[in-house]
N, C-alpha and C. Protein backbone atom coordinates (compact mmCIF):
# COMPACT_ATOMS: atom_id res chain seq x y z
N MET A 1 -18.83 -12.95 -23.83
CA MET A 1 -19.09 -14.02 -22.33
C MET A 1 -19.84 -13.46 -21.21
N PRO A 2 -21.13 -14.04 -20.47
CA PRO A 2 -21.66 -13.70 -19.82
C PRO A 2 -20.64 -12.88 -18.72
N VAL A 3 -19.78 -13.87 -17.86
CA VAL A 3 -19.03 -13.64 -16.66
C VAL A 3 -18.44 -12.31 -16.66
N ALA A 4 -17.80 -11.79 -17.82
CA ALA A 4 -16.60 -11.08 -18.44
C ALA A 4 -18.20 -8.91 -18.48
N LYS A 5 -19.64 -9.92 -18.49
CA LYS A 5 -20.09 -8.42 -19.30
C LYS A 5 -20.01 -6.95 -18.17
N TYR A 6 -19.54 -7.10 -16.85
CA TYR A 6 -19.62 -6.17 -16.22
C TYR A 6 -17.81 -5.78 -15.66
N GLY A 7 -17.09 -6.45 -15.81
CA GLY A 7 -15.37 -6.44 -16.23
C GLY A 7 -14.87 -5.26 -16.43
N PHE A 8 -15.63 -4.08 -17.26
CA PHE A 8 -15.25 -2.78 -17.54
C PHE A 8 -15.83 -2.16 -15.62
N LEU A 9 -16.40 -2.72 -14.87
CA LEU A 9 -16.32 -1.63 -13.43
C LEU A 9 -15.51 -2.40 -12.94
N GLY A 10 -14.55 -3.13 -13.19
CA GLY A 10 -13.35 -3.69 -12.10
C GLY A 10 -12.59 -2.39 -11.24
N VAL A 11 -12.08 -1.72 -12.48
CA VAL A 11 -11.09 -0.82 -11.93
C VAL A 11 -11.83 0.37 -11.50
N PRO A 12 -12.97 1.08 -11.61
CA PRO A 12 -13.77 1.74 -10.30
C PRO A 12 -14.06 1.53 -9.15
N ALA A 13 -15.04 0.35 -9.01
CA ALA A 13 -14.43 -0.58 -8.25
C ALA A 13 -13.58 -0.56 -7.54
N PHE A 14 -12.49 -1.01 -7.94
CA PHE A 14 -11.39 -0.67 -7.33
C PHE A 14 -10.75 0.35 -6.20
N PHE A 15 -10.92 1.69 -7.19
CA PHE A 15 -10.55 2.76 -6.64
C PHE A 15 -11.61 3.12 -5.48
N VAL A 16 -13.02 3.08 -5.20
CA VAL A 16 -13.68 3.26 -4.76
C VAL A 16 -13.45 2.87 -3.36
N ILE A 17 -13.23 1.02 -3.62
CA ILE A 17 -12.65 0.13 -2.44
C ILE A 17 -11.50 0.94 -1.47
N SER A 18 -10.64 1.15 -2.62
CA SER A 18 -9.51 1.77 -1.98
C SER A 18 -9.83 3.07 -1.05
N GLY A 19 -10.45 3.83 -1.61
CA GLY A 19 -10.88 4.99 -0.90
C GLY A 19 -11.10 4.77 0.31
N PHE A 20 -11.98 3.76 0.62
CA PHE A 20 -12.79 3.45 2.21
C PHE A 20 -11.39 3.33 2.83
N VAL A 21 -10.57 2.34 2.10
CA VAL A 21 -9.44 1.32 2.66
C VAL A 21 -8.43 2.65 3.42
N ILE A 22 -7.79 3.32 2.14
CA ILE A 22 -7.26 4.46 3.20
C ILE A 22 -7.81 5.42 4.05
N ALA A 23 -9.02 5.81 3.42
CA ALA A 23 -9.96 6.56 4.62
C ALA A 23 -9.97 6.20 6.26
N TYR A 24 -9.98 4.85 6.24
CA TYR A 24 -9.75 3.98 7.15
C TYR A 24 -8.67 3.83 7.87
N SER A 25 -7.38 4.07 7.21
CA SER A 25 -6.27 3.76 7.86
C SER A 25 -5.35 4.85 8.07
N ALA A 26 -6.61 6.06 7.49
CA ALA A 26 -5.59 7.34 8.23
C ALA A 26 -6.57 7.60 9.29
N GLU A 27 -7.37 6.71 10.13
CA GLU A 27 -8.36 7.47 11.12
C GLU A 27 -7.35 7.83 12.20
N GLY A 28 -7.07 8.26 12.64
CA GLY A 28 -6.31 8.75 14.17
C GLY A 28 -5.05 8.91 13.92
N ARG A 29 -4.64 9.11 12.59
CA ARG A 29 -3.13 9.90 12.39
C ARG A 29 -2.84 11.10 11.82
N THR A 30 -2.00 11.38 12.29
CA THR A 30 -1.51 12.70 11.39
C THR A 30 -1.12 12.49 9.86
N ALA A 31 -1.13 13.40 8.95
CA ALA A 31 -0.69 13.60 7.99
C ALA A 31 0.26 12.61 7.52
N VAL A 32 1.35 13.39 8.43
CA VAL A 32 2.90 12.94 8.22
C VAL A 32 2.74 11.59 8.82
N GLY A 33 2.28 11.18 10.02
CA GLY A 33 2.26 9.34 10.34
C GLY A 33 1.38 9.04 9.40
N PHE A 34 0.76 9.42 8.58
CA PHE A 34 0.01 8.35 7.65
C PHE A 34 0.94 8.13 6.43
N ALA A 35 1.60 9.15 6.36
CA ALA A 35 2.45 9.28 5.14
C ALA A 35 3.14 8.40 5.33
N ILE A 36 3.97 7.94 6.47
CA ILE A 36 5.02 7.23 6.99
C ILE A 36 4.66 6.01 7.15
N ALA A 37 3.57 5.55 7.56
CA ALA A 37 3.17 4.39 7.69
C ALA A 37 2.76 4.00 6.18
N ARG A 38 2.20 4.59 5.22
CA ARG A 38 1.64 4.48 3.95
C ARG A 38 3.15 3.87 3.00
N PHE A 39 3.89 4.76 3.08
CA PHE A 39 5.51 4.56 2.16
C PHE A 39 5.97 3.43 3.14
N SER A 40 6.26 2.99 4.08
CA SER A 40 6.94 2.19 4.60
C SER A 40 6.33 0.54 4.41
N ARG A 41 4.89 1.03 4.15
CA ARG A 41 3.78 -0.40 4.17
C ARG A 41 4.32 -0.48 2.42
N LEU A 42 4.23 0.87 1.19
CA LEU A 42 4.37 0.48 -0.26
C LEU A 42 5.57 0.21 -0.95
N TYR A 43 6.60 1.21 0.23
CA TYR A 43 7.71 1.40 -1.06
C TYR A 43 8.58 -0.55 -0.81
N PRO A 44 8.86 -1.03 0.00
CA PRO A 44 9.33 -2.51 -0.28
C PRO A 44 8.60 -3.03 -0.97
N ASN A 45 7.32 -3.24 -1.58
CA ASN A 45 6.51 -3.77 -2.25
C ASN A 45 6.97 -3.69 -3.94
N PHE A 46 7.07 -2.45 -3.85
CA PHE A 46 7.53 -1.59 -4.90
C PHE A 46 8.76 -1.65 -5.38
N VAL A 47 9.87 -1.93 -4.34
CA VAL A 47 11.08 -2.05 -5.20
C VAL A 47 11.58 -3.71 -5.52
N PHE A 48 10.57 -4.49 -4.94
CA PHE A 48 10.50 -5.97 -5.03
C PHE A 48 9.68 -6.46 -6.43
N CYS A 49 8.94 -6.00 -6.73
CA CYS A 49 8.28 -5.72 -8.20
C CYS A 49 9.03 -4.95 -8.91
N MET A 50 9.74 -3.63 -8.52
CA MET A 50 10.58 -3.15 -9.69
C MET A 50 11.65 -4.11 -10.21
N THR A 51 11.97 -4.64 -8.93
CA THR A 51 13.26 -5.55 -8.96
C THR A 51 13.04 -6.91 -10.05
N LEU A 52 11.65 -6.94 -9.90
CA LEU A 52 11.28 -8.52 -10.35
C LEU A 52 11.10 -7.76 -12.06
N THR A 53 10.61 -7.01 -12.65
CA THR A 53 10.22 -6.57 -13.80
C THR A 53 11.79 -6.31 -14.48
N PHE A 54 12.80 -5.34 -13.97
CA PHE A 54 13.98 -5.56 -14.06
C PHE A 54 14.47 -6.68 -14.64
N LEU A 55 14.13 -7.48 -13.64
CA LEU A 55 14.79 -8.70 -13.84
C LEU A 55 14.39 -10.03 -15.33
N ALA A 56 13.30 -9.48 -15.37
CA ALA A 56 12.36 -9.78 -16.36
C ALA A 56 12.91 -9.69 -17.83
N LEU A 57 12.76 -8.18 -17.51
CA LEU A 57 13.00 -7.54 -18.74
C LEU A 57 14.88 -7.38 -19.37
N LEU A 58 15.23 -7.87 -18.44
CA LEU A 58 16.71 -8.63 -18.74
C LEU A 58 16.76 -9.60 -19.71
N VAL A 59 15.90 -10.47 -18.98
CA VAL A 59 15.94 -12.11 -19.64
C VAL A 59 14.97 -12.53 -21.27
N TRP A 60 13.74 -11.67 -21.03
CA TRP A 60 12.73 -11.60 -22.01
C TRP A 60 12.60 -10.74 -22.70
N GLY A 61 12.94 -9.27 -22.57
CA GLY A 61 12.46 -7.89 -23.09
C GLY A 61 13.60 -7.78 -24.20
N PRO A 62 14.50 -7.86 -24.55
CA PRO A 62 15.06 -7.65 -25.99
C PRO A 62 14.79 -8.82 -26.72
N PRO A 63 13.99 -7.96 -27.99
CA PRO A 63 14.48 -6.85 -28.54
C PRO A 63 13.56 -5.92 -28.26
N HIS A 64 12.58 -6.04 -27.72
CA HIS A 64 11.51 -4.85 -28.08
C HIS A 64 11.65 -4.02 -26.75
N PHE A 65 12.08 -5.01 -25.84
CA PHE A 65 12.07 -3.68 -24.37
C PHE A 65 13.26 -4.42 -23.90
N GLU A 66 13.72 -2.94 -23.54
CA GLU A 66 15.47 -2.85 -22.40
C GLU A 66 15.24 -2.02 -21.21
N ALA A 67 16.41 -2.86 -20.33
CA ALA A 67 15.68 -2.16 -18.87
C ALA A 67 17.96 -1.99 -18.99
N THR A 68 17.83 -0.99 -18.07
CA THR A 68 19.96 -0.70 -17.90
C THR A 68 19.28 -0.79 -16.15
N PRO A 69 20.90 -0.38 -15.56
CA PRO A 69 20.81 -0.45 -13.79
C PRO A 69 20.47 1.07 -13.73
N SER A 70 20.51 1.64 -14.94
CA SER A 70 20.67 3.54 -14.63
C SER A 70 18.93 3.62 -14.17
N GLN A 71 18.01 2.56 -15.46
CA GLN A 71 16.66 3.23 -15.03
C GLN A 71 16.65 2.12 -13.81
N TRP A 72 17.15 1.13 -13.45
CA TRP A 72 16.51 0.79 -12.02
C TRP A 72 16.65 1.39 -11.28
N PHE A 73 17.39 2.33 -10.93
CA PHE A 73 18.24 3.27 -10.15
C PHE A 73 17.46 4.42 -9.82
N ALA A 74 17.36 4.82 -11.26
CA ALA A 74 16.13 6.12 -11.46
C ALA A 74 14.60 5.83 -10.98
N ASN A 75 14.40 4.68 -10.70
CA ASN A 75 13.20 4.25 -10.52
C ASN A 75 12.62 3.97 -9.24
N LEU A 76 14.39 4.13 -8.33
CA LEU A 76 13.64 3.76 -6.93
C LEU A 76 13.68 5.13 -5.96
N PHE A 77 13.36 6.21 -7.15
CA PHE A 77 12.59 7.41 -6.64
C PHE A 77 11.38 7.58 -7.13
N ILE A 78 10.64 7.00 -7.50
CA ILE A 78 9.39 6.90 -7.68
C ILE A 78 8.70 7.97 -8.49
N HIS A 79 9.25 8.40 -9.55
CA HIS A 79 9.09 9.99 -9.87
C HIS A 79 9.15 9.63 -11.23
N GLY A 80 8.02 10.13 -12.11
CA GLY A 80 7.61 9.94 -13.54
C GLY A 80 7.72 11.14 -13.72
N GLY A 81 8.40 12.06 -13.52
CA GLY A 81 8.14 13.36 -14.54
C GLY A 81 9.34 14.60 -14.09
N GLY A 82 9.49 15.53 -13.97
CA GLY A 82 10.09 16.09 -13.44
C GLY A 82 11.58 16.27 -14.33
N ALA A 83 13.00 15.89 -13.26
CA ALA A 83 14.05 16.64 -14.12
C ALA A 83 14.69 14.67 -14.11
N TRP A 84 13.81 13.84 -13.76
CA TRP A 84 13.95 11.87 -14.66
C TRP A 84 13.41 12.10 -15.81
N SER A 85 12.20 12.89 -15.96
CA SER A 85 12.06 12.99 -17.61
C SER A 85 12.84 12.98 -18.53
N ALA A 86 13.51 14.04 -17.96
CA ALA A 86 14.89 14.72 -19.34
C ALA A 86 15.63 13.42 -20.03
N LEU A 87 16.38 12.62 -18.62
CA LEU A 87 16.45 11.72 -19.12
C LEU A 87 15.88 10.24 -20.08
N HIS A 88 16.57 10.31 -21.12
CA HIS A 88 16.05 9.52 -22.28
C HIS A 88 15.56 7.76 -21.60
N GLY A 89 13.93 7.59 -21.70
CA GLY A 89 13.89 6.49 -20.80
C GLY A 89 13.95 6.12 -19.72
N CYS A 90 14.03 6.66 -18.47
CA CYS A 90 14.36 6.71 -17.23
C CYS A 90 13.93 5.82 -16.62
N GLY A 91 12.40 5.33 -16.93
CA GLY A 91 11.14 4.21 -16.80
C GLY A 91 11.35 3.23 -16.90
N LEU A 92 11.48 2.04 -16.46
CA LEU A 92 11.04 0.87 -16.92
C LEU A 92 9.70 0.87 -17.53
N PRO A 93 9.57 0.36 -18.50
CA PRO A 93 7.96 0.52 -19.53
C PRO A 93 6.89 -0.28 -18.39
N ALA A 94 6.98 -0.96 -18.02
CA ALA A 94 6.18 -2.28 -17.44
C ALA A 94 5.40 -1.14 -16.60
N GLN A 95 6.30 -0.38 -15.61
CA GLN A 95 5.70 0.63 -14.32
C GLN A 95 5.61 1.94 -15.09
N ARG A 96 6.35 2.54 -15.80
CA ARG A 96 5.77 4.24 -15.44
C ARG A 96 4.56 4.27 -15.78
N TRP A 97 3.80 4.00 -16.66
CA TRP A 97 2.58 4.54 -17.02
C TRP A 97 1.97 4.31 -15.30
N THR A 98 1.93 2.90 -15.16
CA THR A 98 1.03 2.52 -14.02
C THR A 98 1.65 3.83 -13.12
N ARG A 99 2.55 4.01 -12.56
CA ARG A 99 3.16 5.08 -12.18
C ARG A 99 2.56 6.02 -11.81
N GLU A 100 2.56 6.59 -13.05
CA GLU A 100 1.92 8.28 -13.52
C GLU A 100 0.68 8.26 -13.42
N PHE A 101 -0.23 7.21 -13.48
CA PHE A 101 -1.62 7.10 -13.39
C PHE A 101 -1.67 6.87 -12.04
N LEU A 102 -1.58 6.40 -11.28
CA LEU A 102 -1.53 6.39 -10.14
C LEU A 102 -1.53 7.31 -8.95
N THR A 103 -0.07 7.94 -9.18
CA THR A 103 0.50 9.13 -9.17
C THR A 103 -0.65 10.13 -8.96
N GLY A 104 -1.23 10.36 -10.08
CA GLY A 104 -2.35 11.32 -10.38
C GLY A 104 -3.51 11.58 -9.89
N ARG A 105 -3.78 10.01 -9.41
CA ARG A 105 -5.20 9.79 -8.87
C ARG A 105 -4.55 9.81 -7.12
N ALA A 106 -3.50 9.64 -6.10
CA ALA A 106 -3.41 9.94 -5.27
C ALA A 106 -3.34 11.30 -4.94
N VAL A 107 -2.65 12.23 -5.76
CA VAL A 107 -2.50 13.45 -5.58
C VAL A 107 -4.28 14.09 -5.67
N ARG A 108 -4.56 13.57 -6.75
CA ARG A 108 -6.32 14.65 -7.07
C ARG A 108 -7.07 13.64 -5.64
N PHE A 109 -7.36 12.73 -5.45
CA PHE A 109 -7.99 12.36 -3.97
C PHE A 109 -7.33 12.05 -3.09
N GLY A 110 -6.26 11.23 -2.86
CA GLY A 110 -5.87 10.77 -1.46
C GLY A 110 -5.46 11.95 -0.97
N CYS A 111 -4.96 12.95 -0.96
CA CYS A 111 -3.93 14.26 -0.55
C CYS A 111 -5.04 15.38 -0.11
N SER A 112 -6.45 15.38 -0.54
CA SER A 112 -7.25 16.91 -0.67
C SER A 112 -7.21 17.12 0.69
N SER A 113 -7.09 18.08 1.31
CA SER A 113 -7.72 18.33 2.32
C SER A 113 -8.79 18.79 2.86
N ARG A 114 -9.75 18.84 1.54
CA ARG A 114 -11.19 18.77 1.34
C ARG A 114 -11.72 17.74 0.80
N PRO A 115 -11.81 16.19 1.79
CA PRO A 115 -12.24 15.20 0.55
C PRO A 115 -13.63 15.71 -0.27
N HIS A 116 -14.50 16.49 0.30
CA HIS A 116 -16.10 16.82 -0.29
C HIS A 116 -16.12 17.28 -1.10
N ALA A 117 -14.54 17.83 -1.18
CA ALA A 117 -14.64 18.77 -2.99
C ALA A 117 -14.55 18.31 -3.51
N PRO A 118 -15.41 18.51 -4.87
CA PRO A 118 -15.35 17.85 -6.37
C PRO A 118 -13.86 18.40 -7.16
N VAL A 119 -13.48 16.87 -7.82
CA VAL A 119 -12.11 17.25 -8.43
C VAL A 119 -12.84 17.75 -9.54
N ARG A 120 -11.89 18.09 -10.48
CA ARG A 120 -11.90 18.82 -11.52
C ARG A 120 -11.06 18.28 -12.55
N SER A 121 -11.00 17.74 -13.71
CA SER A 121 -9.75 17.20 -14.55
C SER A 121 -9.46 18.20 -15.39
């Protein structure tokens, strides 16, 4: 289909645009001020979407996907590894891979003290 010919460029284009938006929103702020503003803007949406995912998994998930209140609670801390990974299935399946993927990108690209430095994978 000709419309989808360049669809593979969607995710890289999103990250390029996001980089400009994040840099623009960080302008004139300290690192702490930027982090607080970003967290307060993103976290309520995260909790809302996480709760919708949890409820959808409760209704339509079984038998292939299951969600427990302890999984929902563990996800409040937005952490995909470390101590939480020791808990069996602590993440909601629909969110875990996205959170880990985007967290890795944010740490490598968004928190660099030298944005011009090359990133090595």
